[in-house]
Amino acid sequence: GGYVNRPGFWQGGIGVAACWYGGAT
């Protein structure tokens, strides 16, 4: 359960959002 129960899980999810932003630019 450590993979999802850590701060970095949600931080990594925003990293994907940064890629979506980059693709849009």
mmCIF file of all heavy atoms, coordinates in Angstrom:
data_MODEL
# 
_entry.id   MODEL 
# 
loop_
_atom_site.group_PDB 
_atom_site.id 
_atom_site.type_symbol 
_atom_site.label_atom_id 
_atom_site.label_alt_id 
_atom_site.label_comp_id 
_atom_site.label_asym_id 
_atom_site.label_entity_id 
_atom_site.label_seq_id 
_atom_site.pdbx_PDB_ins_code 
_atom_site.Cartn_x 
_atom_site.Cartn_y 
_atom_site.Cartn_z 
_atom_site.occupancy 
_atom_site.B_iso_or_equiv 
_atom_site.pdbx_formal_charge 
_atom_site.auth_seq_id 
_atom_site.auth_comp_id 
_atom_site.auth_asym_id 
_atom_site.auth_atom_id 
_atom_site.pdbx_PDB_model_num 
ATOM 1   N N   . GLY A 1 1  ? 0.793  -1.232 0.000   1.00 0.00 ? 1  GLY A N   1 
ATOM 2   C CA  . GLY A 1 1  ? 0.000  0.000  0.000   1.00 0.00 ? 1  GLY A CA  1 
ATOM 3   C C   . GLY A 1 1  ? 0.817  1.270  0.000   1.00 0.00 ? 1  GLY A C   1 
ATOM 4   O O   . GLY A 1 1  ? 0.262  2.369  -0.111  1.00 0.00 ? 1  GLY A O   1 
ATOM 5   N N   . GLY A 1 2  ? 2.138  1.149  0.100   1.00 0.00 ? 2  GLY A N   1 
ATOM 6   C CA  . GLY A 1 2  ? 2.981  2.327  0.199   1.00 0.00 ? 2  GLY A CA  1 
ATOM 7   C C   . GLY A 1 2  ? 2.999  3.172  -1.054  1.00 0.00 ? 2  GLY A C   1 
ATOM 8   O O   . GLY A 1 2  ? 3.208  4.396  -0.991  1.00 0.00 ? 2  GLY A O   1 
ATOM 9   N N   . TYR A 1 3  ? 2.788  2.566  -2.217  1.00 0.00 ? 3  TYR A N   1 
ATOM 10  C CA  . TYR A 1 3  ? 2.844  3.310  -3.469  1.00 0.00 ? 3  TYR A CA  1 
ATOM 11  C C   . TYR A 1 3  ? 1.789  4.406  -3.521  1.00 0.00 ? 3  TYR A C   1 
ATOM 12  O O   . TYR A 1 3  ? 2.081  5.549  -3.910  1.00 0.00 ? 3  TYR A O   1 
ATOM 13  C CB  . TYR A 1 3  ? 2.674  2.342  -4.645  1.00 0.00 ? 3  TYR A CB  1 
ATOM 14  C CG  . TYR A 1 3  ? 2.421  3.023  -5.956  1.00 0.00 ? 3  TYR A CG  1 
ATOM 15  C CD1 . TYR A 1 3  ? 3.402  3.817  -6.556  1.00 0.00 ? 3  TYR A CD1 1 
ATOM 16  C CD2 . TYR A 1 3  ? 1.195  2.896  -6.615  1.00 0.00 ? 3  TYR A CD2 1 
ATOM 17  C CE1 . TYR A 1 3  ? 3.172  4.457  -7.772  1.00 0.00 ? 3  TYR A CE1 1 
ATOM 18  C CE2 . TYR A 1 3  ? 0.963  3.521  -7.823  1.00 0.00 ? 3  TYR A CE2 1 
ATOM 19  C CZ  . TYR A 1 3  ? 1.939  4.303  -8.395  1.00 0.00 ? 3  TYR A CZ  1 
ATOM 20  O OH  . TYR A 1 3  ? 1.707  4.938  -9.585  1.00 0.00 ? 3  TYR A OH  1 
ATOM 21  N N   . VAL A 1 4  ? 0.562  4.074  -3.115  1.00 0.00 ? 4  VAL A N   1 
ATOM 22  C CA  . VAL A 1 4  ? -0.511 5.074  -3.191  1.00 0.00 ? 4  VAL A CA  1 
ATOM 23  C C   . VAL A 1 4  ? -0.615 5.903  -1.919  1.00 0.00 ? 4  VAL A C   1 
ATOM 24  O O   . VAL A 1 4  ? -1.108 7.038  -1.963  1.00 0.00 ? 4  VAL A O   1 
ATOM 25  C CB  . VAL A 1 4  ? -1.873 4.406  -3.498  1.00 0.00 ? 4  VAL A CB  1 
ATOM 26  C CG1 . VAL A 1 4  ? -1.841 3.769  -4.873  1.00 0.00 ? 4  VAL A CG1 1 
ATOM 27  C CG2 . VAL A 1 4  ? -2.244 3.383  -2.442  1.00 0.00 ? 4  VAL A CG2 1 
ATOM 28  N N   . ASN A 1 5  ? -0.168 5.374  -0.808  1.00 0.00 ? 5  ASN A N   1 
ATOM 29  C CA  . ASN A 1 5  ? -0.300 6.085  0.470   1.00 0.00 ? 5  ASN A CA  1 
ATOM 30  C C   . ASN A 1 5  ? 0.963  6.878  0.784   1.00 0.00 ? 5  ASN A C   1 
ATOM 31  O O   . ASN A 1 5  ? 1.616  6.680  1.810   1.00 0.00 ? 5  ASN A O   1 
ATOM 32  C CB  . ASN A 1 5  ? -0.597 5.090  1.595   1.00 0.00 ? 5  ASN A CB  1 
ATOM 33  C CG  . ASN A 1 5  ? -1.921 4.390  1.395   1.00 0.00 ? 5  ASN A CG  1 
ATOM 34  O OD1 . ASN A 1 5  ? -2.913 5.016  1.017   1.00 0.00 ? 5  ASN A OD1 1 
ATOM 35  N ND2 . ASN A 1 5  ? -1.948 3.084  1.638   1.00 0.00 ? 5  ASN A ND2 1 
ATOM 36  N N   . ARG A 1 6  ? 1.302  7.793  -0.096  1.00 0.00 ? 6  ARG A N   1 
ATOM 37  C CA  . ARG A 1 6  ? 2.508  8.608  0.066   1.00 0.00 ? 6  ARG A CA  1 
ATOM 38  C C   . ARG A 1 6  ? 2.263  9.950  -0.614  1.00 0.00 ? 6  ARG A C   1 
ATOM 39  O O   . ARG A 1 6  ? 1.484  10.037 -1.578  1.00 0.00 ? 6  ARG A O   1 
ATOM 40  C CB  . ARG A 1 6  ? 3.731  7.914  -0.564  1.00 0.00 ? 6  ARG A CB  1 
ATOM 41  C CG  . ARG A 1 6  ? 3.546  7.671  -2.050  1.00 0.00 ? 6  ARG A CG  1 
ATOM 42  C CD  . ARG A 1 6  ? 4.629  6.850  -2.717  1.00 0.00 ? 6  ARG A CD  1 
ATOM 43  N NE  . ARG A 1 6  ? 4.269  6.677  -4.115  1.00 0.00 ? 6  ARG A NE  1 
ATOM 44  C CZ  . ARG A 1 6  ? 4.615  7.488  -5.104  1.00 0.00 ? 6  ARG A CZ  1 
ATOM 45  N NH1 . ARG A 1 6  ? 5.392  8.527  -4.852  1.00 0.00 ? 6  ARG A NH1 1 
ATOM 46  N NH2 . ARG A 1 6  ? 4.216  7.270  -6.337  1.00 0.00 ? 6  ARG A NH2 1 
ATOM 47  N N   . PRO A 1 7  ? 2.889  10.998 -0.148  1.00 0.00 ? 7  PRO A N   1 
ATOM 48  C CA  . PRO A 1 7  ? 2.691  12.320 -0.769  1.00 0.00 ? 7  PRO A CA  1 
ATOM 49  C C   . PRO A 1 7  ? 3.050  12.331 -2.250  1.00 0.00 ? 7  PRO A C   1 
ATOM 50  O O   . PRO A 1 7  ? 2.401  13.004 -3.056  1.00 0.00 ? 7  PRO A O   1 
ATOM 51  C CB  . PRO A 1 7  ? 3.617  13.232 0.037   1.00 0.00 ? 7  PRO A CB  1 
ATOM 52  C CG  . PRO A 1 7  ? 3.801  12.544 1.340   1.00 0.00 ? 7  PRO A CG  1 
ATOM 53  C CD  . PRO A 1 7  ? 3.759  11.078 1.040   1.00 0.00 ? 7  PRO A CD  1 
ATOM 54  N N   . GLY A 1 8  ? 4.093  11.584 -2.620  1.00 0.00 ? 8  GLY A N   1 
ATOM 55  C CA  . GLY A 1 8  ? 4.550  11.608 -3.996  1.00 0.00 ? 8  GLY A CA  1 
ATOM 56  C C   . GLY A 1 8  ? 3.561  11.058 -4.996  1.00 0.00 ? 8  GLY A C   1 
ATOM 57  O O   . GLY A 1 8  ? 3.668  11.340 -6.200  1.00 0.00 ? 8  GLY A O   1 
ATOM 58  N N   . PHE A 1 9  ? 2.594  10.268 -4.536  1.00 0.00 ? 9  PHE A N   1 
ATOM 59  C CA  . PHE A 1 9  ? 1.587  9.745  -5.466  1.00 0.00 ? 9  PHE A CA  1 
ATOM 60  C C   . PHE A 1 9  ? 0.822  10.895 -6.104  1.00 0.00 ? 9  PHE A C   1 
ATOM 61  O O   . PHE A 1 9  ? 0.629  10.930 -7.324  1.00 0.00 ? 9  PHE A O   1 
ATOM 62  C CB  . PHE A 1 9  ? 0.625  8.817  -4.722  1.00 0.00 ? 9  PHE A CB  1 
ATOM 63  C CG  . PHE A 1 9  ? -0.428 8.206  -5.608  1.00 0.00 ? 9  PHE A CG  1 
ATOM 64  C CD1 . PHE A 1 9  ? -0.130 7.124  -6.418  1.00 0.00 ? 9  PHE A CD1 1 
ATOM 65  C CD2 . PHE A 1 9  ? -1.714 8.726  -5.641  1.00 0.00 ? 9  PHE A CD2 1 
ATOM 66  C CE1 . PHE A 1 9  ? -1.095 6.567  -7.247  1.00 0.00 ? 9  PHE A CE1 1 
ATOM 67  C CE2 . PHE A 1 9  ? -2.683 8.174  -6.457  1.00 0.00 ? 9  PHE A CE2 1 
ATOM 68  C CZ  . PHE A 1 9  ? -2.374 7.090  -7.268  1.00 0.00 ? 9  PHE A CZ  1 
ATOM 69  N N   . TRP A 1 10 ? 0.399  11.839 -5.289  1.00 0.00 ? 10 TRP A N   1 
ATOM 70  C CA  . TRP A 1 10 ? -0.358 12.973 -5.812  1.00 0.00 ? 10 TRP A CA  1 
ATOM 71  C C   . TRP A 1 10 ? 0.552  13.989 -6.480  1.00 0.00 ? 10 TRP A C   1 
ATOM 72  O O   . TRP A 1 10 ? 0.173  14.645 -7.450  1.00 0.00 ? 10 TRP A O   1 
ATOM 73  C CB  . TRP A 1 10 ? -1.166 13.605 -4.680  1.00 0.00 ? 10 TRP A CB  1 
ATOM 74  C CG  . TRP A 1 10 ? -2.118 12.621 -4.100  1.00 0.00 ? 10 TRP A CG  1 
ATOM 75  C CD1 . TRP A 1 10 ? -2.063 12.025 -2.870  1.00 0.00 ? 10 TRP A CD1 1 
ATOM 76  C CD2 . TRP A 1 10 ? -3.259 12.059 -4.755  1.00 0.00 ? 10 TRP A CD2 1 
ATOM 77  N NE1 . TRP A 1 10 ? -3.090 11.129 -2.725  1.00 0.00 ? 10 TRP A NE1 1 
ATOM 78  C CE2 . TRP A 1 10 ? -3.851 11.135 -3.861  1.00 0.00 ? 10 TRP A CE2 1 
ATOM 79  C CE3 . TRP A 1 10 ? -3.848 12.243 -6.014  1.00 0.00 ? 10 TRP A CE3 1 
ATOM 80  C CZ2 . TRP A 1 10 ? -4.988 10.404 -4.202  1.00 0.00 ? 10 TRP A CZ2 1 
ATOM 81  C CZ3 . TRP A 1 10 ? -4.980 11.508 -6.345  1.00 0.00 ? 10 TRP A CZ3 1 
ATOM 82  C CH2 . TRP A 1 10 ? -5.539 10.610 -5.436  1.00 0.00 ? 10 TRP A CH2 1 
ATOM 83  N N   . GLN A 1 11 ? 1.774  14.109 -5.992  1.00 0.00 ? 11 GLN A N   1 
ATOM 84  C CA  . GLN A 1 11 ? 2.730  14.997 -6.644  1.00 0.00 ? 11 GLN A CA  1 
ATOM 85  C C   . GLN A 1 11 ? 3.047  14.505 -8.054  1.00 0.00 ? 11 GLN A C   1 
ATOM 86  O O   . GLN A 1 11 ? 3.146  15.292 -8.998  1.00 0.00 ? 11 GLN A O   1 
ATOM 87  C CB  . GLN A 1 11 ? 3.994  15.081 -5.797  1.00 0.00 ? 11 GLN A CB  1 
ATOM 88  C CG  . GLN A 1 11 ? 3.773  15.722 -4.435  1.00 0.00 ? 11 GLN A CG  1 
ATOM 89  C CD  . GLN A 1 11 ? 4.908  15.496 -3.466  1.00 0.00 ? 11 GLN A CD  1 
ATOM 90  O OE1 . GLN A 1 11 ? 5.927  14.889 -3.818  1.00 0.00 ? 11 GLN A OE1 1 
ATOM 91  N NE2 . GLN A 1 11 ? 4.758  15.949 -2.242  1.00 0.00 ? 11 GLN A NE2 1 
ATOM 92  N N   . GLY A 1 12 ? 3.207  13.192 -8.202  1.00 0.00 ? 12 GLY A N   1 
ATOM 93  C CA  . GLY A 1 12 ? 3.448  12.624 -9.523  1.00 0.00 ? 12 GLY A CA  1 
ATOM 94  C C   . GLY A 1 12 ? 2.269  12.817 -10.454 1.00 0.00 ? 12 GLY A C   1 
ATOM 95  O O   . GLY A 1 12 ? 2.435  13.015 -11.667 1.00 0.00 ? 12 GLY A O   1 
ATOM 96  N N   . GLY A 1 13 ? 1.055  12.772 -9.893  1.00 0.00 ? 13 GLY A N   1 
ATOM 97  C CA  . GLY A 1 13 ? -0.131 12.999 -10.719 1.00 0.00 ? 13 GLY A CA  1 
ATOM 98  C C   . GLY A 1 13 ? -0.160 14.394 -11.314 1.00 0.00 ? 13 GLY A C   1 
ATOM 99  O O   . GLY A 1 13 ? -0.656 14.596 -12.436 1.00 0.00 ? 13 GLY A O   1 
ATOM 100 N N   . ILE A 1 14 ? 0.383  15.365 -10.597 1.00 0.00 ? 14 ILE A N   1 
ATOM 101 C CA  . ILE A 1 14 ? 0.450  16.721 -11.148 1.00 0.00 ? 14 ILE A CA  1 
ATOM 102 C C   . ILE A 1 14 ? 1.540  16.807 -12.206 1.00 0.00 ? 14 ILE A C   1 
ATOM 103 O O   . ILE A 1 14 ? 1.444  17.603 -13.146 1.00 0.00 ? 14 ILE A O   1 
ATOM 104 C CB  . ILE A 1 14 ? 0.679  17.759 -10.033 1.00 0.00 ? 14 ILE A CB  1 
ATOM 105 C CG1 . ILE A 1 14 ? -0.385 17.619 -8.941  1.00 0.00 ? 14 ILE A CG1 1 
ATOM 106 C CG2 . ILE A 1 14 ? 0.624  19.172 -10.609 1.00 0.00 ? 14 ILE A CG2 1 
ATOM 107 C CD1 . ILE A 1 14 ? -0.205 18.566 -7.771  1.00 0.00 ? 14 ILE A CD1 1 
ATOM 108 N N   . GLY A 1 15 ? 2.571  15.968 -12.093 1.00 0.00 ? 15 GLY A N   1 
ATOM 109 C CA  . GLY A 1 15 ? 3.579  15.911 -13.144 1.00 0.00 ? 15 GLY A CA  1 
ATOM 110 C C   . GLY A 1 15 ? 2.971  15.524 -14.479 1.00 0.00 ? 15 GLY A C   1 
ATOM 111 O O   . GLY A 1 15 ? 3.352  16.048 -15.539 1.00 0.00 ? 15 GLY A O   1 
ATOM 112 N N   . VAL A 1 16 ? 1.996  14.615 -14.448 1.00 0.00 ? 16 VAL A N   1 
ATOM 113 C CA  . VAL A 1 16 ? 1.272  14.257 -15.668 1.00 0.00 ? 16 VAL A CA  1 
ATOM 114 C C   . VAL A 1 16 ? 0.508  15.466 -16.197 1.00 0.00 ? 16 VAL A C   1 
ATOM 115 O O   . VAL A 1 16 ? 0.476  15.722 -17.409 1.00 0.00 ? 16 VAL A O   1 
ATOM 116 C CB  . VAL A 1 16 ? 0.314  13.080 -15.407 1.00 0.00 ? 16 VAL A CB  1 
ATOM 117 C CG1 . VAL A 1 16 ? -0.541 12.788 -16.632 1.00 0.00 ? 16 VAL A CG1 1 
ATOM 118 C CG2 . VAL A 1 16 ? 1.101  11.833 -15.006 1.00 0.00 ? 16 VAL A CG2 1 
ATOM 119 N N   . ALA A 1 17 ? -0.102 16.221 -15.297 1.00 0.00 ? 17 ALA A N   1 
ATOM 120 C CA  . ALA A 1 17 ? -0.829 17.425 -15.707 1.00 0.00 ? 17 ALA A CA  1 
ATOM 121 C C   . ALA A 1 17 ? 0.098  18.427 -16.379 1.00 0.00 ? 17 ALA A C   1 
ATOM 122 O O   . ALA A 1 17 ? -0.283 19.108 -17.337 1.00 0.00 ? 17 ALA A O   1 
ATOM 123 C CB  . ALA A 1 17 ? -1.511 18.066 -14.493 1.00 0.00 ? 17 ALA A CB  1 
ATOM 124 N N   . ALA A 1 18 ? 1.341  18.516 -15.898 1.00 0.00 ? 18 ALA A N   1 
ATOM 125 C CA  . ALA A 1 18 ? 2.320  19.408 -16.539 1.00 0.00 ? 18 ALA A CA  1 
ATOM 126 C C   . ALA A 1 18 ? 2.590  18.957 -17.967 1.00 0.00 ? 18 ALA A C   1 
ATOM 127 O O   . ALA A 1 18 ? 2.782  19.784 -18.868 1.00 0.00 ? 18 ALA A O   1 
ATOM 128 C CB  . ALA A 1 18 ? 3.614  19.436 -15.728 1.00 0.00 ? 18 ALA A CB  1 
ATOM 129 N N   . CYS A 1 19 ? 2.600  17.649 -18.178 1.00 0.00 ? 19 CYS A N   1 
ATOM 130 C CA  . CYS A 1 19 ? 2.770  17.137 -19.547 1.00 0.00 ? 19 CYS A CA  1 
ATOM 131 C C   . CYS A 1 19 ? 1.567  17.480 -20.407 1.00 0.00 ? 19 CYS A C   1 
ATOM 132 O O   . CYS A 1 19 ? 1.723  17.847 -21.581 1.00 0.00 ? 19 CYS A O   1 
ATOM 133 C CB  . CYS A 1 19 ? 2.979  15.624 -19.511 1.00 0.00 ? 19 CYS A CB  1 
ATOM 134 S SG  . CYS A 1 19 ? 4.564  15.102 -18.820 1.00 0.00 ? 19 CYS A SG  1 
ATOM 135 N N   . TRP A 1 20 ? 0.373  17.360 -19.863 1.00 0.00 ? 20 TRP A N   1 
ATOM 136 C CA  . TRP A 1 20 ? -0.816 17.748 -20.630 1.00 0.00 ? 20 TRP A CA  1 
ATOM 137 C C   . TRP A 1 20 ? -0.720 19.217 -21.028 1.00 0.00 ? 20 TRP A C   1 
ATOM 138 O O   . TRP A 1 20 ? -1.040 19.574 -22.172 1.00 0.00 ? 20 TRP A O   1 
ATOM 139 C CB  . TRP A 1 20 ? -2.086 17.531 -19.792 1.00 0.00 ? 20 TRP A CB  1 
ATOM 140 C CG  . TRP A 1 20 ? -2.371 16.103 -19.464 1.00 0.00 ? 20 TRP A CG  1 
ATOM 141 C CD1 . TRP A 1 20 ? -1.840 14.993 -20.061 1.00 0.00 ? 20 TRP A CD1 1 
ATOM 142 C CD2 . TRP A 1 20 ? -3.265 15.621 -18.455 1.00 0.00 ? 20 TRP A CD2 1 
ATOM 143 N NE1 . TRP A 1 20 ? -2.331 13.859 -19.475 1.00 0.00 ? 20 TRP A NE1 1 
ATOM 144 C CE2 . TRP A 1 20 ? -3.213 14.215 -18.496 1.00 0.00 ? 20 TRP A CE2 1 
ATOM 145 C CE3 . TRP A 1 20 ? -4.092 16.244 -17.520 1.00 0.00 ? 20 TRP A CE3 1 
ATOM 146 C CZ2 . TRP A 1 20 ? -3.978 13.425 -17.631 1.00 0.00 ? 20 TRP A CZ2 1 
ATOM 147 C CZ3 . TRP A 1 20 ? -4.846 15.470 -16.661 1.00 0.00 ? 20 TRP A CZ3 1 
ATOM 148 C CH2 . TRP A 1 20 ? -4.796 14.074 -16.723 1.00 0.00 ? 20 TRP A CH2 1 
ATOM 149 N N   . TYR A 1 21 ? -0.302 20.046 -20.090 1.00 0.00 ? 21 TYR A N   1 
ATOM 150 C CA  . TYR A 1 21 ? -0.115 21.471 -20.402 1.00 0.00 ? 21 TYR A CA  1 
ATOM 151 C C   . TYR A 1 21 ? 0.908  21.632 -21.530 1.00 0.00 ? 21 TYR A C   1 
ATOM 152 O O   . TYR A 1 21 ? 0.687  22.401 -22.479 1.00 0.00 ? 21 TYR A O   1 
ATOM 153 C CB  . TYR A 1 21 ? 0.337  22.221 -19.153 1.00 0.00 ? 21 TYR A CB  1 
ATOM 154 C CG  . TYR A 1 21 ? 0.867  23.603 -19.446 1.00 0.00 ? 21 TYR A CG  1 
ATOM 155 C CD1 . TYR A 1 21 ? 0.009  24.686 -19.549 1.00 0.00 ? 21 TYR A CD1 1 
ATOM 156 C CD2 . TYR A 1 21 ? 2.234  23.817 -19.648 1.00 0.00 ? 21 TYR A CD2 1 
ATOM 157 C CE1 . TYR A 1 21 ? 0.492  25.963 -19.836 1.00 0.00 ? 21 TYR A CE1 1 
ATOM 158 C CE2 . TYR A 1 21 ? 2.720  25.078 -19.930 1.00 0.00 ? 21 TYR A CE2 1 
ATOM 159 C CZ  . TYR A 1 21 ? 1.854  26.151 -20.030 1.00 0.00 ? 21 TYR A CZ  1 
ATOM 160 O OH  . TYR A 1 21 ? 2.337  27.407 -20.330 1.00 0.00 ? 21 TYR A OH  1 
ATOM 161 N N   . GLY A 1 22 ? 2.019  20.929 -21.435 1.00 0.00 ? 22 GLY A N   1 
ATOM 162 C CA  . GLY A 1 22 ? 3.047  21.037 -22.469 1.00 0.00 ? 22 GLY A CA  1 
ATOM 163 C C   . GLY A 1 22 ? 2.540  20.609 -23.828 1.00 0.00 ? 22 GLY A C   1 
ATOM 164 O O   . GLY A 1 22 ? 2.825  21.251 -24.853 1.00 0.00 ? 22 GLY A O   1 
ATOM 165 N N   . GLY A 1 23 ? 1.779  19.512 -23.862 1.00 0.00 ? 23 GLY A N   1 
ATOM 166 C CA  . GLY A 1 23 ? 1.210  19.080 -25.135 1.00 0.00 ? 23 GLY A CA  1 
ATOM 167 C C   . GLY A 1 23 ? 0.279  20.117 -25.713 1.00 0.00 ? 23 GLY A C   1 
ATOM 168 O O   . GLY A 1 23 ? 0.239  20.343 -26.932 1.00 0.00 ? 23 GLY A O   1 
ATOM 169 N N   . ALA A 1 24 ? -0.492 20.776 -24.843 1.00 0.00 ? 24 ALA A N   1 
ATOM 170 C CA  . ALA A 1 24 ? -1.413 21.815 -25.312 1.00 0.00 ? 24 ALA A CA  1 
ATOM 171 C C   . ALA A 1 24 ? -0.668 23.009 -25.887 1.00 0.00 ? 24 ALA A C   1 
ATOM 172 O O   . ALA A 1 24 ? -1.105 23.613 -26.878 1.00 0.00 ? 24 ALA A O   1 
ATOM 173 C CB  . ALA A 1 24 ? -2.318 22.250 -24.158 1.00 0.00 ? 24 ALA A CB  1 
ATOM 174 N N   . THR A 1 25 ? 0.467  23.373 -25.290 1.00 0.00 ? 25 THR A N   1 
ATOM 175 C CA  . THR A 1 25 ? 1.236  24.489 -25.850 1.00 0.00 ? 25 THR A CA  1 
ATOM 176 C C   . THR A 1 25 ? 1.767  24.130 -27.237 1.00 0.00 ? 25 THR A C   1 
ATOM 177 O O   . THR A 1 25 ? 1.870  25.001 -28.110 1.00 0.00 ? 25 THR A O   1 
ATOM 178 C CB  . THR A 1 25 ? 2.411  24.884 -24.936 1.00 0.00 ? 25 THR A CB  1 
ATOM 179 O OG1 . THR A 1 25 ? 3.316  23.786 -24.786 1.00 0.00 ? 25 THR A OG1 1 
ATOM 180 C CG2 . THR A 1 25 ? 1.914  25.328 -23.570 1.00 0.00 ? 25 THR A CG2 1 
# 
